[in-house]
Amino acid sequence: MELGKTIKRLRTEQGWSQETLAEKAYVSRQTVSNWETEKSYPDVHSLLLLSDLFGVTLDNLIKGDAEIMKQTVQNEDAKSLKGLQWLGVAGMFVLMFGVTALVEYGGEIGRLLGCVLAGVLAVVIFLAFHKMEQLKARNDIQTYREVLAFLNGETLDEIEKQQELAKRSTRKKLYIGVIVAAGAELLAAAGVLLWQILR
């Protein structure tokens, strides 16, 4: 990160101490020290204020750090994507086997608990996959190959990207069909169980 060095250089050029900059930026001297030693990074409001105080553009202030910040965000998104994938898979595993066991061997109470658990798991799985889709859209990744490259911190070249773009439409239709069919089956099963319990 270059921002810490840039802040220190601009502060020194102004002839300001860390205390002086801290007063002008409405932060503590320790915060300025942490920025300069790169123990912390200024928030957006502080970056705008520093840009104004030093009389430089925001671009010049964070030059060199923008690509690092982009990479950091992508790495955080990749970690979130991996976690959401595991959550979705675990939820489906529990839905298939845990709910089935409850319904099959739990008697009337097990059936009722199974229905409730199936509903909760369905919501959790839906939210996990929805968040995954948001992350994938934000990083412009959709196909399996794009996701793998993203999770490994790589990018596809233009030809590979065009090939993957062509696959997206077909896969999207297939995913929607599978989700609708699975949801309909789940609702039908829950309805049958509930009808048997109430009968």
C-alpha atoms as a PDB file:
ATOM      1  CA  MET A   1       0.000   0.000   0.000  1.00  0.00           C
ATOM      2  CA  GLU A   2       1.289   3.437  -0.926  1.00  0.00           C
ATOM      3  CA  LEU A   3      -1.312   5.596   0.795  1.00  0.00           C
ATOM      4  CA  GLY A   4       0.494   5.683   4.149  1.00  0.00           C
ATOM      5  CA  LYS A   5       3.662   7.019   2.487  1.00  0.00           C
ATOM      6  CA  THR A   6       1.621   9.501   0.452  1.00  0.00           C
ATOM      7  CA  ILE A   7      -0.143  10.882   3.548  1.00  0.00           C
ATOM      8  CA  LYS A   8       3.164  11.232   5.375  1.00  0.00           C
ATOM      9  CA  ARG A   9       4.806  12.935   2.377  1.00  0.00           C
ATOM     10  CA  LEU A  10       1.933  15.390   1.859  1.00  0.00           C
ATOM     11  CA  ARG A  11       1.738  16.124   5.603  1.00  0.00           C
ATOM     12  CA  THR A  12       5.476  16.824   5.713  1.00  0.00           C
ATOM     13  CA  GLU A  13       5.283  19.050   2.620  1.00  0.00           C
ATOM     14  CA  GLN A  14       2.632  21.122   4.418  1.00  0.00           C
ATOM     15  CA  GLY A  15       4.903  21.329   7.474  1.00  0.00           C
ATOM     16  CA  TRP A  16       2.233  19.745   9.661  1.00  0.00           C
ATOM     17  CA  SER A  17       2.783  17.428  12.599  1.00  0.00           C
ATOM     18  CA  GLN A  18       0.619  14.360  13.035  1.00  0.00           C
ATOM     19  CA  GLU A  19      -1.291  16.274  15.727  1.00  0.00           C
ATOM     20  CA  THR A  20      -1.990  19.157  13.316  1.00  0.00           C
ATOM     21  CA  LEU A  21      -3.275  16.835  10.609  1.00  0.00           C
ATOM     22  CA  ALA A  22      -5.335  14.961  13.189  1.00  0.00           C
ATOM     23  CA  GLU A  23      -7.049  18.202  14.263  1.00  0.00           C
ATOM     24  CA  LYS A  24      -7.756  19.220  10.670  1.00  0.00           C
ATOM     25  CA  ALA A  25      -9.075  15.754   9.756  1.00  0.00           C
ATOM     26  CA  TYR A  26     -11.128  15.421  12.985  1.00  0.00           C
ATOM     27  CA  VAL A  27      -9.354  12.233  14.073  1.00  0.00           C
ATOM     28  CA  SER A  28      -6.867  11.315  16.768  1.00  0.00           C
ATOM     29  CA  ARG A  29      -3.097  11.579  16.359  1.00  0.00           C
ATOM     30  CA  GLN A  30      -2.966   7.789  16.774  1.00  0.00           C
ATOM     31  CA  THR A  31      -5.311   7.394  13.808  1.00  0.00           C
ATOM     32  CA  VAL A  32      -2.989   9.499  11.629  1.00  0.00           C
ATOM     33  CA  SER A  33      -0.052   7.417  12.843  1.00  0.00           C
ATOM     34  CA  ASN A  34      -1.935   4.225  11.979  1.00  0.00           C
ATOM     35  CA  TRP A  35      -2.668   5.552   8.484  1.00  0.00           C
ATOM     36  CA  GLU A  36       0.979   6.430   7.903  1.00  0.00           C
ATOM     37  CA  THR A  37       2.253   3.109   9.212  1.00  0.00           C
ATOM     38  CA  GLU A  38      -0.494   1.314   7.262  1.00  0.00           C
ATOM     39  CA  LYS A  39      -1.997  -0.302  10.342  1.00  0.00           C
ATOM     40  CA  SER A  40      -5.367   1.035   9.207  1.00  0.00           C
ATOM     41  CA  TYR A  41      -6.874   2.630   6.120  1.00  0.00           C
ATOM     42  CA  PRO A  42      -8.878   5.875   6.089  1.00  0.00           C
ATOM     43  CA  ASP A  43     -12.602   5.543   5.488  1.00  0.00           C
ATOM     44  CA  VAL A  44     -14.199   7.225   2.461  1.00  0.00           C
ATOM     45  CA  HIS A  45     -15.103  10.377   4.402  1.00  0.00           C
ATOM     46  CA  SER A  46     -11.526  10.732   5.673  1.00  0.00           C
ATOM     47  CA  LEU A  47     -10.106  10.141   2.182  1.00  0.00           C
ATOM     48  CA  LEU A  48     -12.263  12.955   0.790  1.00  0.00           C
ATOM     49  CA  LEU A  49     -11.257  15.255   3.648  1.00  0.00           C
ATOM     50  CA  LEU A  50      -7.542  14.436   3.195  1.00  0.00           C
ATOM     51  CA  SER A  51      -7.821  15.074  -0.532  1.00  0.00           C
ATOM     52  CA  ASP A  52      -9.297  18.512   0.200  1.00  0.00           C
ATOM     53  CA  LEU A  53      -6.794  19.343   2.964  1.00  0.00           C
ATOM     54  CA  PHE A  54      -3.778  18.461   0.826  1.00  0.00           C
ATOM     55  CA  GLY A  55      -5.237  20.059  -2.314  1.00  0.00           C
ATOM     56  CA  VAL A  56      -4.863  16.922  -4.423  1.00  0.00           C
ATOM     57  CA  THR A  57      -7.383  14.827  -6.309  1.00  0.00           C
ATOM     58  CA  LEU A  58      -8.661  11.656  -4.704  1.00  0.00           C
ATOM     59  CA  ASP A  59      -7.129   9.761  -7.628  1.00  0.00           C
ATOM     60  CA  ASN A  60      -3.688  11.213  -6.895  1.00  0.00           C
ATOM     61  CA  LEU A  61      -4.093  10.524  -3.184  1.00  0.00           C
ATOM     62  CA  ILE A  62      -4.835   6.825  -3.566  1.00  0.00           C
ATOM     63  CA  LYS A  63      -2.888   6.221  -6.788  1.00  0.00           C
ATOM     64  CA  GLY A  64      -1.303   2.785  -6.608  1.00  0.00           C
ATOM     65  CA  ASP A  65      -3.729   1.640  -3.937  1.00  0.00           C
ATOM     66  CA  ALA A  66      -6.777   1.434  -6.205  1.00  0.00           C
ATOM     67  CA  GLU A  67      -5.668  -1.826  -7.834  1.00  0.00           C
ATOM     68  CA  ILE A  68      -4.697  -3.263  -4.446  1.00  0.00           C
ATOM     69  CA  MET A  69      -8.115  -2.307  -3.032  1.00  0.00           C
ATOM     70  CA  LYS A  70      -9.837  -3.913  -6.027  1.00  0.00           C
ATOM     71  CA  GLN A  71      -7.836  -7.101  -5.474  1.00  0.00           C
ATOM     72  CA  THR A  72      -8.659  -7.042  -1.748  1.00  0.00           C
ATOM     73  CA  VAL A  73     -12.383  -6.726  -2.482  1.00  0.00           C
ATOM     74  CA  GLN A  74     -12.167  -9.580  -4.995  1.00  0.00           C
ATOM     75  CA  ASN A  75     -10.345 -11.757  -2.449  1.00  0.00           C
ATOM     76  CA  GLU A  76     -12.997 -11.016   0.182  1.00  0.00           C
ATOM     77  CA  ASP A  77     -15.735 -11.795  -2.360  1.00  0.00           C
ATOM     78  CA  ALA A  78     -13.990 -15.070  -3.248  1.00  0.00           C
ATOM     79  CA  LYS A  79     -13.912 -16.072   0.442  1.00  0.00           C
ATOM     80  CA  SER A  80     -17.586 -15.146   0.828  1.00  0.00           C
ATOM     81  CA  LEU A  81     -18.451 -17.133  -2.291  1.00  0.00           C
ATOM     82  CA  LYS A  82     -16.683 -20.223  -0.951  1.00  0.00           C
ATOM     83  CA  GLY A  83     -18.449 -19.891   2.415  1.00  0.00           C
ATOM     84  CA  LEU A  84     -21.843 -19.484   0.771  1.00  0.00           C
ATOM     85  CA  GLN A  85     -21.219 -22.534  -1.409  1.00  0.00           C
ATOM     86  CA  TRP A  86     -20.495 -24.642   1.675  1.00  0.00           C
ATOM     87  CA  LEU A  87     -23.559 -23.243   3.440  1.00  0.00           C
ATOM     88  CA  GLY A  88     -25.771 -24.105   0.472  1.00  0.00           C
ATOM     89  CA  VAL A  89     -24.369 -27.627   0.147  1.00  0.00           C
ATOM     90  CA  ALA A  90     -24.638 -28.271   3.906  1.00  0.00           C
ATOM     91  CA  GLY A  91     -28.208 -26.948   3.913  1.00  0.00           C
ATOM     92  CA  MET A  92     -29.195 -29.235   1.043  1.00  0.00           C
ATOM     93  CA  PHE A  93     -27.505 -32.213   2.740  1.00  0.00           C
ATOM     94  CA  VAL A  94     -29.413 -31.599   5.983  1.00  0.00           C
ATOM     95  CA  LEU A  95     -32.603 -31.004   4.001  1.00  0.00           C
ATOM     96  CA  MET A  96     -32.273 -34.307   2.155  1.00  0.00           C
ATOM     97  CA  PHE A  97     -31.131 -36.534   4.989  1.00  0.00           C
ATOM     98  CA  GLY A  98     -32.014 -34.779   8.260  1.00  0.00           C
ATOM     99  CA  VAL A  99     -35.569 -33.872   7.303  1.00  0.00           C
ATOM    100  CA  THR A 100     -36.137 -37.303   5.772  1.00  0.00           C
ATOM    101  CA  ALA A 101     -34.980 -38.996   8.989  1.00  0.00           C
ATOM    102  CA  LEU A 102     -37.185 -36.741  11.126  1.00  0.00           C
ATOM    103  CA  VAL A 103     -40.243 -37.377   8.995  1.00  0.00           C
ATOM    104  CA  GLU A 104     -39.613 -41.121   8.668  1.00  0.00           C
ATOM    105  CA  TYR A 105     -38.690 -41.956  12.250  1.00  0.00           C
ATOM    106  CA  GLY A 106     -39.939 -39.060  14.358  1.00  0.00           C
ATOM    107  CA  GLY A 107     -43.627 -39.842  14.469  1.00  0.00           C
ATOM    108  CA  GLU A 108     -46.152 -37.031  14.440  1.00  0.00           C
ATOM    109  CA  ILE A 109     -43.847 -34.555  16.184  1.00  0.00           C
ATOM    110  CA  GLY A 110     -41.001 -35.515  13.859  1.00  0.00           C
ATOM    111  CA  ARG A 111     -43.178 -34.820  10.841  1.00  0.00           C
ATOM    112  CA  LEU A 112     -44.136 -31.430  12.176  1.00  0.00           C
ATOM    113  CA  LEU A 113     -40.535 -30.577  13.071  1.00  0.00           C
ATOM    114  CA  GLY A 114     -39.446 -31.903   9.669  1.00  0.00           C
ATOM    115  CA  CYS A 115     -41.853 -29.542   7.905  1.00  0.00           C
ATOM    116  CA  VAL A 116     -40.635 -26.571   9.945  1.00  0.00           C
ATOM    117  CA  LEU A 117     -36.984 -27.531   9.435  1.00  0.00           C
ATOM    118  CA  ALA A 118     -37.564 -28.002   5.694  1.00  0.00           C
ATOM    119  CA  GLY A 119     -39.051 -24.511   5.487  1.00  0.00           C
ATOM    120  CA  VAL A 120     -36.201 -22.918   7.437  1.00  0.00           C
ATOM    121  CA  LEU A 121     -33.562 -24.765   5.401  1.00  0.00           C
ATOM    122  CA  ALA A 122     -35.276 -23.819   2.153  1.00  0.00           C
ATOM    123  CA  VAL A 123     -35.072 -20.141   3.136  1.00  0.00           C
ATOM    124  CA  VAL A 124     -31.410 -20.460   4.220  1.00  0.00           C
ATOM    125  CA  ILE A 125     -30.473 -22.236   0.980  1.00  0.00           C
ATOM    126  CA  PHE A 126     -32.360 -19.686  -1.105  1.00  0.00           C
ATOM    127  CA  LEU A 127     -30.646 -16.769   0.652  1.00  0.00           C
ATOM    128  CA  ALA A 128     -27.201 -18.397   0.297  1.00  0.00           C
ATOM    129  CA  PHE A 129     -27.675 -18.956  -3.425  1.00  0.00           C
ATOM    130  CA  HIS A 130     -29.169 -15.481  -3.866  1.00  0.00           C
ATOM    131  CA  LYS A 131     -26.126 -13.893  -2.198  1.00  0.00           C
ATOM    132  CA  MET A 132     -23.847 -16.066  -4.348  1.00  0.00           C
ATOM    133  CA  GLU A 133     -25.592 -14.763  -7.465  1.00  0.00           C
ATOM    134  CA  GLN A 134     -25.133 -11.184  -6.265  1.00  0.00           C
ATOM    135  CA  LEU A 135     -21.394 -11.762  -5.732  1.00  0.00           C
ATOM    136  CA  LYS A 136     -21.086 -13.429  -9.114  1.00  0.00           C
ATOM    137  CA  ALA A 137     -22.903 -10.553 -10.827  1.00  0.00           C
ATOM    138  CA  ARG A 138     -20.779  -7.933  -9.048  1.00  0.00           C
ATOM    139  CA  ASN A 139     -17.605  -9.658 -10.238  1.00  0.00           C
ATOM    140  CA  ASP A 140     -19.031 -10.563 -13.694  1.00  0.00           C
ATOM    141  CA  ILE A 141     -18.634 -14.305 -13.229  1.00  0.00           C
ATOM    142  CA  GLN A 142     -21.346 -16.828 -14.051  1.00  0.00           C
ATOM    143  CA  THR A 143     -20.035 -20.046 -15.539  1.00  0.00           C
ATOM    144  CA  TYR A 144     -18.218 -22.751 -13.630  1.00  0.00           C
ATOM    145  CA  ARG A 145     -14.942 -21.952 -15.392  1.00  0.00           C
ATOM    146  CA  GLU A 146     -15.246 -18.249 -14.525  1.00  0.00           C
ATOM    147  CA  VAL A 147     -16.056 -19.054 -10.900  1.00  0.00           C
ATOM    148  CA  LEU A 148     -13.054 -21.392 -10.595  1.00  0.00           C
ATOM    149  CA  ALA A 149     -10.749 -18.785 -12.111  1.00  0.00           C
ATOM    150  CA  PHE A 150     -12.141 -16.154  -9.730  1.00  0.00           C
ATOM    151  CA  LEU A 151     -11.749 -18.371  -6.656  1.00  0.00           C
ATOM    152  CA  ASN A 152      -8.115 -18.982  -7.667  1.00  0.00           C
ATOM    153  CA  GLY A 153      -7.468 -15.267  -8.168  1.00  0.00           C
ATOM    154  CA  GLU A 154      -7.124 -15.621 -11.938  1.00  0.00           C
ATOM    155  CA  THR A 155      -8.856 -14.017 -14.911  1.00  0.00           C
ATOM    156  CA  LEU A 156      -9.849 -15.412 -18.291  1.00  0.00           C
ATOM    157  CA  ASP A 157      -8.478 -13.975 -21.528  1.00  0.00           C
ATOM    158  CA  GLU A 158     -10.898 -12.344 -23.994  1.00  0.00           C
ATOM    159  CA  ILE A 159     -11.484 -15.453 -26.146  1.00  0.00           C
ATOM    160  CA  GLU A 160     -12.161 -17.625 -23.106  1.00  0.00           C
ATOM    161  CA  LYS A 161     -14.448 -14.922 -21.697  1.00  0.00           C
ATOM    162  CA  GLN A 162     -16.492 -14.798 -24.942  1.00  0.00           C
ATOM    163  CA  GLN A 163     -16.854 -18.590 -24.926  1.00  0.00           C
ATOM    164  CA  GLU A 164     -18.073 -18.517 -21.348  1.00  0.00           C
ATOM    165  CA  LEU A 165     -20.515 -15.678 -22.091  1.00  0.00           C
ATOM    166  CA  ALA A 166     -22.131 -17.834 -24.778  1.00  0.00           C
ATOM    167  CA  LYS A 167     -22.752 -20.589 -22.210  1.00  0.00           C
ATOM    168  CA  ARG A 168     -24.430 -18.329 -19.645  1.00  0.00           C
ATOM    169  CA  SER A 169     -27.862 -18.109 -21.272  1.00  0.00           C
ATOM    170  CA  THR A 170     -28.302 -21.868 -21.576  1.00  0.00           C
ATOM    171  CA  ARG A 171     -27.116 -22.518 -18.048  1.00  0.00           C
ATOM    172  CA  LYS A 172     -29.355 -19.844 -16.590  1.00  0.00           C
ATOM    173  CA  LYS A 173     -32.447 -21.465 -18.142  1.00  0.00           C
ATOM    174  CA  LEU A 174     -31.363 -24.874 -16.864  1.00  0.00           C
ATOM    175  CA  TYR A 175     -30.781 -23.549 -13.320  1.00  0.00           C
ATOM    176  CA  ILE A 176     -34.172 -21.850 -13.240  1.00  0.00           C
ATOM    177  CA  GLY A 177     -35.866 -25.057 -14.378  1.00  0.00           C
ATOM    178  CA  VAL A 178     -34.102 -27.137 -11.716  1.00  0.00           C
ATOM    179  CA  ILE A 179     -34.879 -24.615  -8.958  1.00  0.00           C
ATOM    180  CA  VAL A 180     -38.560 -24.413  -9.931  1.00  0.00           C
ATOM    181  CA  ALA A 181     -38.856 -28.207 -10.071  1.00  0.00           C
ATOM    182  CA  ALA A 182     -37.090 -28.663  -6.714  1.00  0.00           C
ATOM    183  CA  GLY A 183     -39.204 -25.954  -5.094  1.00  0.00           C
ATOM    184  CA  ALA A 184     -42.431 -27.459  -6.418  1.00  0.00           C
ATOM    185  CA  GLU A 185     -41.412 -30.910  -5.171  1.00  0.00           C
ATOM    186  CA  LEU A 186     -40.517 -29.526  -1.750  1.00  0.00           C
ATOM    187  CA  LEU A 187     -43.802 -27.661  -1.443  1.00  0.00           C
ATOM    188  CA  ALA A 188     -45.770 -30.725  -2.561  1.00  0.00           C
ATOM    189  CA  ALA A 189     -43.968 -32.937  -0.024  1.00  0.00           C
ATOM    190  CA  ALA A 190     -44.534 -30.408   2.773  1.00  0.00           C
ATOM    191  CA  GLY A 191     -48.204 -30.121   1.802  1.00  0.00           C
ATOM    192  CA  VAL A 192     -48.694 -33.902   1.848  1.00  0.00           C
ATOM    193  CA  LEU A 193     -46.978 -34.192   5.244  1.00  0.00           C
ATOM    194  CA  LEU A 194     -49.015 -31.368   6.698  1.00  0.00           C
ATOM    195  CA  TRP A 195     -52.239 -32.899   5.340  1.00  0.00           C
ATOM    196  CA  GLN A 196     -51.338 -36.265   6.930  1.00  0.00           C
ATOM    197  CA  ILE A 197     -50.596 -34.611  10.276  1.00  0.00           C
ATOM    198  CA  LEU A 198     -53.838 -32.633  10.306  1.00  0.00           C
ATOM    199  CA  ARG A 199     -55.954 -35.583   9.170  1.00  0.00           C
END
